[in-house]
Amino acid sequence: MSAKTAKPRGGVIVPMITPLTDAGKLDEKSLSRVVDHLLAGGVDVIFVLGTTGEAASLSADMRSRLVAGTVEHVGGRIPVYAGISGNCLAESLAAAKEYLARGAEALVAHLPTYFPLNDEEQYRYFKALLDGASGPLILYNIPQTTNMTIPLDVVERLSEHPNAAGLKDSSPDVARTAELLMRMGKREKFPIFMGHTAFAAQGLAQGAAGYVPSTGNLAPTLCRHLYEAARAGEVDRAAKHQAALNTVGRLYQGNRSVGQSIAALKALMSEAKLCGPAVLPPLRTLDPAQRKQLLEGLKAENLTLTALAR
């Protein structure tokens, strides 16, 4: 199935971190190790160049090599999705063409992050992306970084576009999420993917096709168990796995900003020998005191990295 006709898959879609060397270069050895870890954990899709992947901080060349390297190492075993978000429409469309040619099966894009946009401006921006993408494009709502929320009426209008392949919604707004799922859950042609992991079990039970957990970088098998329990209607087992994932999320997210949580996640992955702890500016690697506090939090929860990464 070609990238132009591929139907986006649901399930566990992990927004993969970007492994980096201490010099800020793409760490290709760690990339292979992380991909193998995700495949062994039973994830359904690897999503590169998302928020967790520090896409906004990567050069165009690093983005290209990350997409190519991930697709090559995955080797067709599962789909790879690639983010094309940016503030320049022409550059996003050029990236869309390139990443589809390199083997990405779907694209993902959130709103540009410089100018505040009203409803009609948001609609026209996404429509321009959809018109020019020449492949399936998943809309991405993440007000934590864009400082805008895509109105559900705008999502409804965009969902009719032939290239619209679903919505990844990371909003922490409980009421909005409930309305989103009531209006658009269980749509085969426009699936909803939960981007706020704390809503995963609830969202899956209410019609979401999958979820996009950053925790999956560290604990992919646990994420898989949650998905399977929720889809099977096993409420108690799903709740148990959701509680476990929430605990893991609190470890590296807690009171941290989005960027600080990425650095903390990479610190944990470094301890698990999956990749190094390096992040790109403007983010900062955890200092020794912060890293010690993170590991003490892991111990206080009676968790081990070996068990999480299993």
C-alpha atoms as a PDB file:
ATOM      1  CA  MET A   1       0.000   0.000   0.000  1.00  0.00           C
ATOM      2  CA  SER A   2       1.483   3.337  -0.996  1.00  0.00           C
ATOM      3  CA  ALA A   3       1.836   6.302   1.309  1.00  0.00           C
ATOM      4  CA  LYS A   4      -0.805   8.140  -0.715  1.00  0.00           C
ATOM      5  CA  THR A   5      -3.453   5.495  -0.099  1.00  0.00           C
ATOM      6  CA  ALA A   6      -2.383   4.097   3.289  1.00  0.00           C
ATOM      7  CA  LYS A   7      -5.059   4.235   5.948  1.00  0.00           C
ATOM      8  CA  PRO A   8      -3.640   5.519   9.255  1.00  0.00           C
ATOM      9  CA  ARG A   9      -3.534   2.828  11.893  1.00  0.00           C
ATOM     10  CA  GLY A  10      -4.775   3.150  15.454  1.00  0.00           C
ATOM     11  CA  GLY A  11      -3.475   1.446  18.561  1.00  0.00           C
ATOM     12  CA  VAL A  12      -0.342   2.546  20.411  1.00  0.00           C
ATOM     13  CA  ILE A  13       1.339   5.357  18.476  1.00  0.00           C
ATOM     14  CA  VAL A  14       4.578   6.300  20.225  1.00  0.00           C
ATOM     15  CA  PRO A  15       5.896   9.848  19.683  1.00  0.00           C
ATOM     16  CA  MET A  16       9.526   8.801  19.603  1.00  0.00           C
ATOM     17  CA  ILE A  17      12.286  10.842  21.228  1.00  0.00           C
ATOM     18  CA  THR A  18      15.138  11.905  18.963  1.00  0.00           C
ATOM     19  CA  PRO A  19      18.369  10.236  20.176  1.00  0.00           C
ATOM     20  CA  LEU A  20      21.245  12.724  20.237  1.00  0.00           C
ATOM     21  CA  THR A  21      24.960  12.650  20.889  1.00  0.00           C
ATOM     22  CA  ASP A  22      26.513  14.981  23.442  1.00  0.00           C
ATOM     23  CA  ALA A  23      27.576  17.127  20.485  1.00  0.00           C
ATOM     24  CA  GLY A  24      23.951  17.564  19.421  1.00  0.00           C
ATOM     25  CA  LYS A  25      24.095  15.250  16.409  1.00  0.00           C
ATOM     26  CA  LEU A  26      21.672  12.464  15.518  1.00  0.00           C
ATOM     27  CA  ASP A  27      22.771   9.310  17.402  1.00  0.00           C
ATOM     28  CA  GLU A  28      22.114   6.623  14.804  1.00  0.00           C
ATOM     29  CA  LYS A  29      23.235   3.716  17.017  1.00  0.00           C
ATOM     30  CA  SER A  30      20.815   4.751  19.744  1.00  0.00           C
ATOM     31  CA  LEU A  31      18.123   5.318  17.103  1.00  0.00           C
ATOM     32  CA  SER A  32      18.323   1.657  16.134  1.00  0.00           C
ATOM     33  CA  ARG A  33      18.256   0.631  19.800  1.00  0.00           C
ATOM     34  CA  VAL A  34      15.182   2.769  20.565  1.00  0.00           C
ATOM     35  CA  VAL A  35      13.330   1.508  17.480  1.00  0.00           C
ATOM     36  CA  ASP A  36      14.090  -2.108  18.449  1.00  0.00           C
ATOM     37  CA  HIS A  37      12.826  -1.376  21.968  1.00  0.00           C
ATOM     38  CA  LEU A  38       9.540   0.003  20.637  1.00  0.00           C
ATOM     39  CA  LEU A  39       9.059  -2.885  18.228  1.00  0.00           C
ATOM     40  CA  ALA A  40       9.732  -5.423  20.988  1.00  0.00           C
ATOM     41  CA  GLY A  41       7.166  -3.628  23.143  1.00  0.00           C
ATOM     42  CA  GLY A  42       4.441  -4.194  20.575  1.00  0.00           C
ATOM     43  CA  VAL A  43       3.700  -0.620  19.521  1.00  0.00           C
ATOM     44  CA  ASP A  44       1.570  -0.158  16.420  1.00  0.00           C
ATOM     45  CA  VAL A  45       3.110   3.007  14.973  1.00  0.00           C
ATOM     46  CA  ILE A  46       6.261   5.071  15.491  1.00  0.00           C
ATOM     47  CA  PHE A  47       5.689   8.805  15.168  1.00  0.00           C
ATOM     48  CA  VAL A  48       8.837  10.862  14.583  1.00  0.00           C
ATOM     49  CA  LEU A  49       9.234  14.645  14.637  1.00  0.00           C
ATOM     50  CA  GLY A  50       6.557  15.316  17.210  1.00  0.00           C
ATOM     51  CA  THR A  51       6.790  17.405  20.359  1.00  0.00           C
ATOM     52  CA  THR A  52       8.564  14.634  22.293  1.00  0.00           C
ATOM     53  CA  GLY A  53      10.989  14.325  19.377  1.00  0.00           C
ATOM     54  CA  GLU A  54      12.038  17.987  19.740  1.00  0.00           C
ATOM     55  CA  ALA A  55      11.053  18.560  16.107  1.00  0.00           C
ATOM     56  CA  ALA A  56      11.074  22.339  16.429  1.00  0.00           C
ATOM     57  CA  SER A  57      14.763  22.258  17.431  1.00  0.00           C
ATOM     58  CA  LEU A  58      16.047  19.938  14.700  1.00  0.00           C
ATOM     59  CA  SER A  59      17.684  21.170  11.511  1.00  0.00           C
ATOM     60  CA  ALA A  60      16.082  20.211   8.202  1.00  0.00           C
ATOM     61  CA  ASP A  61      18.962  17.793   7.539  1.00  0.00           C
ATOM     62  CA  MET A  62      18.545  16.090  10.933  1.00  0.00           C
ATOM     63  CA  ARG A  63      14.811  15.728  10.344  1.00  0.00           C
ATOM     64  CA  SER A  64      15.417  14.121   6.967  1.00  0.00           C
ATOM     65  CA  ARG A  65      17.980  11.703   8.363  1.00  0.00           C
ATOM     66  CA  LEU A  66      15.728  10.829  11.310  1.00  0.00           C
ATOM     67  CA  VAL A  67      12.810   9.975   9.029  1.00  0.00           C
ATOM     68  CA  ALA A  68      15.007   7.983   6.652  1.00  0.00           C
ATOM     69  CA  GLY A  69      16.841   6.153   9.436  1.00  0.00           C
ATOM     70  CA  THR A  70      13.656   5.246  11.287  1.00  0.00           C
ATOM     71  CA  VAL A  71      11.883   4.007   8.164  1.00  0.00           C
ATOM     72  CA  GLU A  72      14.929   1.973   7.173  1.00  0.00           C
ATOM     73  CA  HIS A  73      15.351   0.310  10.565  1.00  0.00           C
ATOM     74  CA  VAL A  74      11.633  -0.383  10.979  1.00  0.00           C
ATOM     75  CA  GLY A  75      11.790  -2.117   7.614  1.00  0.00           C
ATOM     76  CA  GLY A  76       8.057  -2.091   6.981  1.00  0.00           C
ATOM     77  CA  ARG A  77       7.170  -3.983  10.153  1.00  0.00           C
ATOM     78  CA  ILE A  78       4.929  -1.155  11.374  1.00  0.00           C
ATOM     79  CA  PRO A  79       4.022   2.258   9.930  1.00  0.00           C
ATOM     80  CA  VAL A  80       6.095   5.358  10.563  1.00  0.00           C
ATOM     81  CA  TYR A  81       4.356   8.737  10.799  1.00  0.00           C
ATOM     82  CA  ALA A  82       6.280  11.984  10.409  1.00  0.00           C
ATOM     83  CA  GLY A  83       5.588  15.475  11.716  1.00  0.00           C
ATOM     84  CA  ILE A  84       5.692  18.421   9.323  1.00  0.00           C
ATOM     85  CA  SER A  85       4.702  21.184  11.742  1.00  0.00           C
ATOM     86  CA  GLY A  86       6.291  24.584  11.260  1.00  0.00           C
ATOM     87  CA  ASN A  87       5.710  28.284  10.764  1.00  0.00           C
ATOM     88  CA  CYS A  88       6.372  28.257   7.004  1.00  0.00           C
ATOM     89  CA  LEU A  89       3.697  26.574   4.904  1.00  0.00           C
ATOM     90  CA  ALA A  90       5.994  26.066   1.923  1.00  0.00           C
ATOM     91  CA  GLU A  91       8.611  24.320   4.056  1.00  0.00           C
ATOM     92  CA  SER A  92       5.966  22.077   5.653  1.00  0.00           C
ATOM     93  CA  LEU A  93       4.665  21.068   2.225  1.00  0.00           C
ATOM     94  CA  ALA A  94       8.186  20.379   0.979  1.00  0.00           C
ATOM     95  CA  ALA A  95       8.790  18.198   4.039  1.00  0.00           C
ATOM     96  CA  ALA A  96       5.502  16.385   3.406  1.00  0.00           C
ATOM     97  CA  LYS A  97       6.571  15.475  -0.116  1.00  0.00           C
ATOM     98  CA  GLU A  98      10.006  14.355   1.041  1.00  0.00           C
ATOM     99  CA  TYR A  99       8.865  12.272   4.014  1.00  0.00           C
ATOM    100  CA  LEU A 100       6.186  10.462   2.030  1.00  0.00           C
ATOM    101  CA  ALA A 101       8.801   9.672  -0.622  1.00  0.00           C
ATOM    102  CA  ARG A 102      11.106   8.354   2.109  1.00  0.00           C
ATOM    103  CA  GLY A 103       8.433   5.922   3.296  1.00  0.00           C
ATOM    104  CA  ALA A 104       6.384   7.686   5.955  1.00  0.00           C
ATOM    105  CA  GLU A 105       2.809   6.403   5.759  1.00  0.00           C
ATOM    106  CA  ALA A 106       1.138   9.485   7.198  1.00  0.00           C
ATOM    107  CA  LEU A 107       1.960  13.058   8.149  1.00  0.00           C
ATOM    108  CA  VAL A 108       1.119  14.958  11.327  1.00  0.00           C
ATOM    109  CA  ALA A 109       0.845  18.730  11.759  1.00  0.00           C
ATOM    110  CA  HIS A 110      -0.203  21.209  14.432  1.00  0.00           C
ATOM    111  CA  LEU A 111      -0.905  24.900  13.973  1.00  0.00           C
ATOM    112  CA  PRO A 112       1.958  27.348  13.403  1.00  0.00           C
ATOM    113  CA  THR A 113       3.084  28.904  16.651  1.00  0.00           C
ATOM    114  CA  TYR A 114       3.864  32.583  16.011  1.00  0.00           C
ATOM    115  CA  PHE A 115       0.663  34.389  15.021  1.00  0.00           C
ATOM    116  CA  PRO A 116      -2.584  33.928  16.979  1.00  0.00           C
ATOM    117  CA  LEU A 117      -5.209  32.639  14.525  1.00  0.00           C
ATOM    118  CA  ASN A 118      -8.995  32.886  14.579  1.00  0.00           C
ATOM    119  CA  ASP A 119     -11.248  29.996  13.564  1.00  0.00           C
ATOM    120  CA  GLU A 120     -11.314  30.809   9.850  1.00  0.00           C
ATOM    121  CA  GLU A 121      -7.549  31.363   9.729  1.00  0.00           C
ATOM    122  CA  GLN A 122      -6.963  27.990  11.380  1.00  0.00           C
ATOM    123  CA  TYR A 123      -9.297  26.316   8.902  1.00  0.00           C
ATOM    124  CA  ARG A 124      -7.620  27.900   5.891  1.00  0.00           C
ATOM    125  CA  TYR A 125      -4.136  27.035   7.137  1.00  0.00           C
ATOM    126  CA  PHE A 126      -4.958  23.363   7.616  1.00  0.00           C
ATOM    127  CA  LYS A 127      -6.871  23.238   4.325  1.00  0.00           C
ATOM    128  CA  ALA A 128      -3.787  24.559   2.541  1.00  0.00           C
ATOM    129  CA  LEU A 129      -1.722  21.793   4.166  1.00  0.00           C
ATOM    130  CA  LEU A 130      -4.306  19.163   3.256  1.00  0.00           C
ATOM    131  CA  ASP A 131      -4.585  20.408  -0.319  1.00  0.00           C
ATOM    132  CA  GLY A 132      -0.833  20.313  -0.829  1.00  0.00           C
ATOM    133  CA  ALA A 133       0.181  17.278   1.200  1.00  0.00           C
ATOM    134  CA  SER A 134      -0.646  14.623  -1.459  1.00  0.00           C
ATOM    135  CA  GLY A 135      -1.005  12.044   1.317  1.00  0.00           C
ATOM    136  CA  PRO A 136      -2.813  11.327   4.586  1.00  0.00           C
ATOM    137  CA  LEU A 137      -2.441  14.098   7.168  1.00  0.00           C
ATOM    138  CA  ILE A 138      -3.372  13.824  10.839  1.00  0.00           C
ATOM    139  CA  LEU A 139      -4.352  17.113  12.472  1.00  0.00           C
ATOM    140  CA  TYR A 140      -2.657  17.744  15.806  1.00  0.00           C
ATOM    141  CA  ASN A 141      -4.218  19.837  18.566  1.00  0.00           C
ATOM    142  CA  ILE A 142      -1.689  20.792  21.238  1.00  0.00           C
ATOM    143  CA  PRO A 143      -2.558  24.063  22.984  1.00  0.00           C
ATOM    144  CA  GLN A 144       0.336  23.518  25.425  1.00  0.00           C
ATOM    145  CA  THR A 145       2.764  24.639  22.691  1.00  0.00           C
ATOM    146  CA  THR A 146       0.678  26.480  20.089  1.00  0.00           C
ATOM    147  CA  ASN A 147      -1.347  28.470  22.655  1.00  0.00           C
ATOM    148  CA  MET A 148      -4.411  27.789  20.512  1.00  0.00           C
ATOM    149  CA  THR A 149      -7.063  25.111  20.546  1.00  0.00           C
ATOM    150  CA  ILE A 150      -8.571  23.964  17.259  1.00  0.00           C
ATOM    151  CA  PRO A 151     -12.359  24.442  17.636  1.00  0.00           C
ATOM    152  CA  LEU A 152     -14.362  21.269  17.132  1.00  0.00           C
ATOM    153  CA  ASP A 153     -16.427  22.940  14.402  1.00  0.00           C
ATOM    154  CA  VAL A 154     -13.178  23.594  12.499  1.00  0.00           C
ATOM    155  CA  VAL A 155     -12.139  19.969  12.986  1.00  0.00           C
ATOM    156  CA  GLU A 156     -15.538  18.854  11.639  1.00  0.00           C
ATOM    157  CA  ARG A 157     -15.107  20.952   8.497  1.00  0.00           C
ATOM    158  CA  LEU A 158     -11.570  19.702   7.912  1.00  0.00           C
ATOM    159  CA  SER A 159     -12.559  16.073   8.491  1.00  0.00           C
ATOM    160  CA  GLU A 160     -14.392  16.075   5.147  1.00  0.00           C
ATOM    161  CA  HIS A 161     -11.165  16.668   3.212  1.00  0.00           C
ATOM    162  CA  PRO A 162      -9.989  13.518   1.362  1.00  0.00           C
ATOM    163  CA  ASN A 163      -6.476  13.831   2.838  1.00  0.00           C
ATOM    164  CA  ALA A 164      -7.691  14.352   6.423  1.00  0.00           C
ATOM    165  CA  ALA A 165      -6.650  11.198   8.245  1.00  0.00           C
ATOM    166  CA  GLY A 166      -7.705  11.901  11.816  1.00  0.00           C
ATOM    167  CA  LEU A 167      -6.970  14.062  14.831  1.00  0.00           C
ATOM    168  CA  LYS A 168      -4.360  13.703  17.544  1.00  0.00           C
ATOM    169  CA  ASP A 169      -5.760  15.700  20.445  1.00  0.00           C
ATOM    170  CA  SER A 170      -3.484  16.562  23.376  1.00  0.00           C
ATOM    171  CA  SER A 171      -5.778  19.022  25.092  1.00  0.00           C
ATOM    172  CA  PRO A 172      -6.089  18.462  28.872  1.00  0.00           C
ATOM    173  CA  ASP A 173      -9.631  19.887  28.762  1.00  0.00           C
ATOM    174  CA  VAL A 174     -11.882  17.089  30.054  1.00  0.00           C
ATOM    175  CA  ALA A 175     -15.130  18.640  28.815  1.00  0.00           C
ATOM    176  CA  ARG A 176     -13.740  19.293  25.342  1.00  0.00           C
ATOM    177  CA  THR A 177     -12.411  15.751  25.082  1.00  0.00           C
ATOM    178  CA  ALA A 178     -15.791  14.324  26.063  1.00  0.00           C
ATOM    179  CA  GLU A 179     -17.538  16.426  23.402  1.00  0.00           C
ATOM    180  CA  LEU A 180     -14.910  15.515  20.810  1.00  0.00           C
ATOM    181  CA  LEU A 181     -15.456  11.808  21.367  1.00  0.00           C
ATOM    182  CA  MET A 182     -19.234  12.180  21.452  1.00  0.00           C
ATOM    183  CA  ARG A 183     -19.203  14.005  18.129  1.00  0.00           C
ATOM    184  CA  MET A 184     -16.415  12.204  16.303  1.00  0.00           C
ATOM    185  CA  GLY A 185     -15.500   9.026  18.169  1.00  0.00           C
ATOM    186  CA  LYS A 186     -15.729   5.744  16.225  1.00  0.00           C
ATOM    187  CA  ARG A 187     -15.465   7.441  12.837  1.00  0.00           C
ATOM    188  CA  GLU A 188     -13.640   4.991  10.630  1.00  0.00           C
ATOM    189  CA  LYS A 189     -12.609   7.611   8.061  1.00  0.00           C
ATOM    190  CA  PHE A 190     -11.489  10.198  10.620  1.00  0.00           C
ATOM    191  CA  PRO A 191     -10.091   8.451  13.707  1.00  0.00           C
ATOM    192  CA  ILE A 192      -9.402  10.227  16.980  1.00  0.00           C
ATOM    193  CA  PHE A 193      -6.083   9.616  18.736  1.00  0.00           C
ATOM    194  CA  MET A 194      -5.731  10.605  22.390  1.00  0.00           C
ATOM    195  CA  GLY A 195      -2.618  12.708  22.902  1.00  0.00           C
ATOM    196  CA  HIS A 196      -3.206  13.300  26.621  1.00  0.00           C
ATOM    197  CA  THR A 197      -2.218   9.930  28.089  1.00  0.00           C
ATOM    198  CA  ALA A 198      -4.208  10.436  31.297  1.00  0.00           C
ATOM    199  CA  PHE A 199      -7.368  10.223  29.125  1.00  0.00           C
ATOM    200  CA  ALA A 200      -6.257   7.079  27.269  1.00  0.00           C
ATOM    201  CA  ALA A 201      -8.437   4.400  28.872  1.00  0.00           C
ATOM    202  CA  GLN A 202     -11.485   6.653  28.951  1.00  0.00           C
ATOM    203  CA  GLY A 203     -10.962   7.822  25.384  1.00  0.00           C
ATOM    204  CA  LEU A 204     -10.451   4.327  24.013  1.00  0.00           C
ATOM    205  CA  ALA A 205     -13.629   3.186  25.736  1.00  0.00           C
ATOM    206  CA  GLN A 206     -15.514   6.078  24.143  1.00  0.00           C
ATOM    207  CA  GLY A 207     -14.435   5.500  20.577  1.00  0.00           C
ATOM    208  CA  ALA A 208     -10.860   6.755  20.168  1.00  0.00           C
ATOM    209  CA  ALA A 209      -8.909   4.641  17.688  1.00  0.00           C
ATOM    210  CA  GLY A 210      -5.660   4.862  19.600  1.00  0.00           C
ATOM    211  CA  TYR A 211      -3.454   6.977  21.826  1.00  0.00           C
ATOM    212  CA  VAL A 212      -0.083   8.685  21.588  1.00  0.00           C
ATOM    213  CA  PRO A 213       1.850   8.220  24.858  1.00  0.00           C
ATOM    214  CA  SER A 214       5.283   9.749  25.369  1.00  0.00           C
ATOM    215  CA  THR A 215       5.572   7.177  28.186  1.00  0.00           C
ATOM    216  CA  GLY A 216       5.702   4.574  25.424  1.00  0.00           C
ATOM    217  CA  ASN A 217       9.330   5.526  24.812  1.00  0.00           C
ATOM    218  CA  LEU A 218      10.195   4.031  28.173  1.00  0.00           C
ATOM    219  CA  ALA A 219       7.369   1.544  28.802  1.00  0.00           C
ATOM    220  CA  PRO A 220       5.923   0.397  25.454  1.00  0.00           C
ATOM    221  CA  THR A 221       4.681  -2.955  26.746  1.00  0.00           C
ATOM    222  CA  LEU A 222       2.670  -1.302  29.523  1.00  0.00           C
ATOM    223  CA  CYS A 223       1.142   1.006  26.911  1.00  0.00           C
ATOM    224  CA  ARG A 224       0.250  -2.044  24.827  1.00  0.00           C
ATOM    225  CA  HIS A 225      -1.441  -3.726  27.801  1.00  0.00           C
ATOM    226  CA  LEU A 226      -3.579  -0.649  28.428  1.00  0.00           C
ATOM    227  CA  TYR A 227      -4.696  -0.479  24.811  1.00  0.00           C
ATOM    228  CA  GLU A 228      -5.618  -4.159  24.677  1.00  0.00           C
ATOM    229  CA  ALA A 229      -7.548  -4.038  27.967  1.00  0.00           C
ATOM    230  CA  ALA A 230      -9.458  -0.909  26.968  1.00  0.00           C
ATOM    231  CA  ARG A 231     -10.374  -2.261  23.544  1.00  0.00           C
ATOM    232  CA  ALA A 232     -11.509  -5.539  25.108  1.00  0.00           C
ATOM    233  CA  GLY A 233     -13.800  -3.677  27.489  1.00  0.00           C
ATOM    234  CA  GLU A 234     -11.882  -4.944  30.514  1.00  0.00           C
ATOM    235  CA  VAL A 235     -12.512  -1.856  32.612  1.00  0.00           C
ATOM    236  CA  ASP A 236     -10.717  -2.896  35.782  1.00  0.00           C
ATOM    237  CA  ARG A 237      -7.602  -4.095  33.975  1.00  0.00           C
ATOM    238  CA  ALA A 238      -7.534  -0.959  31.838  1.00  0.00           C
ATOM    239  CA  ALA A 239      -7.844   1.194  34.959  1.00  0.00           C
ATOM    240  CA  LYS A 240      -4.953  -0.669  36.569  1.00  0.00           C
ATOM    241  CA  HIS A 241      -2.692  -0.071  33.579  1.00  0.00           C
ATOM    242  CA  GLN A 242      -3.853   3.546  33.328  1.00  0.00           C
ATOM    243  CA  ALA A 243      -2.885   4.120  36.960  1.00  0.00           C
ATOM    244  CA  ALA A 244       0.533   2.604  36.310  1.00  0.00           C
ATOM    245  CA  LEU A 245       1.079   4.818  33.264  1.00  0.00           C
ATOM    246  CA  ASN A 246      -0.042   7.870  35.206  1.00  0.00           C
ATOM    247  CA  THR A 247       2.573   7.066  37.849  1.00  0.00           C
ATOM    248  CA  VAL A 248       5.303   6.824  35.208  1.00  0.00           C
ATOM    249  CA  GLY A 249       4.125  10.072  33.644  1.00  0.00           C
ATOM    250  CA  ARG A 250       4.218  11.898  36.963  1.00  0.00           C
ATOM    251  CA  LEU A 251       7.825  10.814  37.457  1.00  0.00           C
ATOM    252  CA  TYR A 252       9.195  12.792  34.542  1.00  0.00           C
ATOM    253  CA  GLN A 253       6.385  15.292  33.961  1.00  0.00           C
ATOM    254  CA  GLY A 254       5.241  16.278  37.446  1.00  0.00           C
ATOM    255  CA  ASN A 255       5.479  20.068  37.760  1.00  0.00           C
ATOM    256  CA  ARG A 256       7.877  20.323  34.823  1.00  0.00           C
ATOM    257  CA  SER A 257       7.247  22.239  31.620  1.00  0.00           C
ATOM    258  CA  VAL A 258       6.852  20.330  28.358  1.00  0.00           C
ATOM    259  CA  GLY A 259      10.518  20.838  27.515  1.00  0.00           C
ATOM    260  CA  GLN A 260      11.757  19.939  30.988  1.00  0.00           C
ATOM    261  CA  SER A 261       9.734  16.724  30.894  1.00  0.00           C
ATOM    262  CA  ILE A 262      11.426  15.702  27.636  1.00  0.00           C
ATOM    263  CA  ALA A 263      14.823  16.142  29.299  1.00  0.00           C
ATOM    264  CA  ALA A 264      13.646  14.071  32.277  1.00  0.00           C
ATOM    265  CA  LEU A 265      12.280  11.334  30.009  1.00  0.00           C
ATOM    266  CA  LYS A 266      15.600  11.145  28.209  1.00  0.00           C
ATOM    267  CA  ALA A 267      17.408  10.957  31.551  1.00  0.00           C
ATOM    268  CA  LEU A 268      15.343   7.901  32.475  1.00  0.00           C
ATOM    269  CA  MET A 269      15.949   6.351  29.046  1.00  0.00           C
ATOM    270  CA  SER A 270      19.649   6.994  29.496  1.00  0.00           C
ATOM    271  CA  GLU A 271      19.574   5.120  32.812  1.00  0.00           C
ATOM    272  CA  ALA A 272      17.835   2.276  30.954  1.00  0.00           C
ATOM    273  CA  LYS A 273      20.700   2.259  28.379  1.00  0.00           C
ATOM    274  CA  LEU A 274      18.366   3.131  25.504  1.00  0.00           C
ATOM    275  CA  CYS A 275      19.883   6.462  24.485  1.00  0.00           C
ATOM    276  CA  GLY A 276      21.857   9.370  25.876  1.00  0.00           C
ATOM    277  CA  PRO A 277      20.313  12.183  27.942  1.00  0.00           C
ATOM    278  CA  ALA A 278      21.183  14.993  25.501  1.00  0.00           C
ATOM    279  CA  VAL A 279      18.562  17.487  24.354  1.00  0.00           C
ATOM    280  CA  LEU A 280      18.877  20.419  21.968  1.00  0.00           C
ATOM    281  CA  PRO A 281      18.734  24.113  22.897  1.00  0.00           C
ATOM    282  CA  PRO A 282      16.712  25.808  24.202  1.00  0.00           C
ATOM    283  CA  LEU A 283      16.148  22.687  26.346  1.00  0.00           C
ATOM    284  CA  ARG A 284      18.712  21.700  28.960  1.00  0.00           C
ATOM    285  CA  THR A 285      19.906  18.277  30.051  1.00  0.00           C
ATOM    286  CA  LEU A 286      19.105  17.463  33.676  1.00  0.00           C
ATOM    287  CA  ASP A 287      21.930  18.303  36.061  1.00  0.00           C
ATOM    288  CA  PRO A 288      23.212  15.627  38.504  1.00  0.00           C
ATOM    289  CA  ALA A 289      20.998  16.847  41.366  1.00  0.00           C
ATOM    290  CA  GLN A 290      17.868  16.777  39.204  1.00  0.00           C
ATOM    291  CA  ARG A 291      18.778  13.356  37.882  1.00  0.00           C
ATOM    292  CA  LYS A 292      19.283  12.020  41.405  1.00  0.00           C
ATOM    293  CA  GLN A 293      15.898  13.401  42.448  1.00  0.00           C
ATOM    294  CA  LEU A 294      14.278  11.733  39.429  1.00  0.00           C
ATOM    295  CA  LEU A 295      15.767   8.348  40.297  1.00  0.00           C
ATOM    296  CA  GLU A 296      14.757   8.742  43.937  1.00  0.00           C
ATOM    297  CA  GLY A 297      11.202   9.329  42.737  1.00  0.00           C
ATOM    298  CA  LEU A 298      11.399   6.110  40.734  1.00  0.00           C
ATOM    299  CA  LYS A 299      12.513   4.222  43.828  1.00  0.00           C
ATOM    300  CA  ALA A 300       9.800   5.814  45.976  1.00  0.00           C
ATOM    301  CA  GLU A 301       7.174   4.443  43.577  1.00  0.00           C
ATOM    302  CA  ASN A 302       8.729   0.960  43.857  1.00  0.00           C
ATOM    303  CA  LEU A 303       9.472   0.992  40.130  1.00  0.00           C
ATOM    304  CA  THR A 304      12.563  -0.167  38.296  1.00  0.00           C
ATOM    305  CA  LEU A 305      13.715   0.832  34.830  1.00  0.00           C
ATOM    306  CA  THR A 306      14.175  -2.833  33.954  1.00  0.00           C
ATOM    307  CA  ALA A 307      10.530  -3.555  34.709  1.00  0.00           C
ATOM    308  CA  LEU A 308       9.304  -0.466  32.866  1.00  0.00           C
ATOM    309  CA  ALA A 309      11.349  -1.176  29.765  1.00  0.00           C
ATOM    310  CA  ARG A 310      10.315  -4.830  29.669  1.00  0.00           C
END
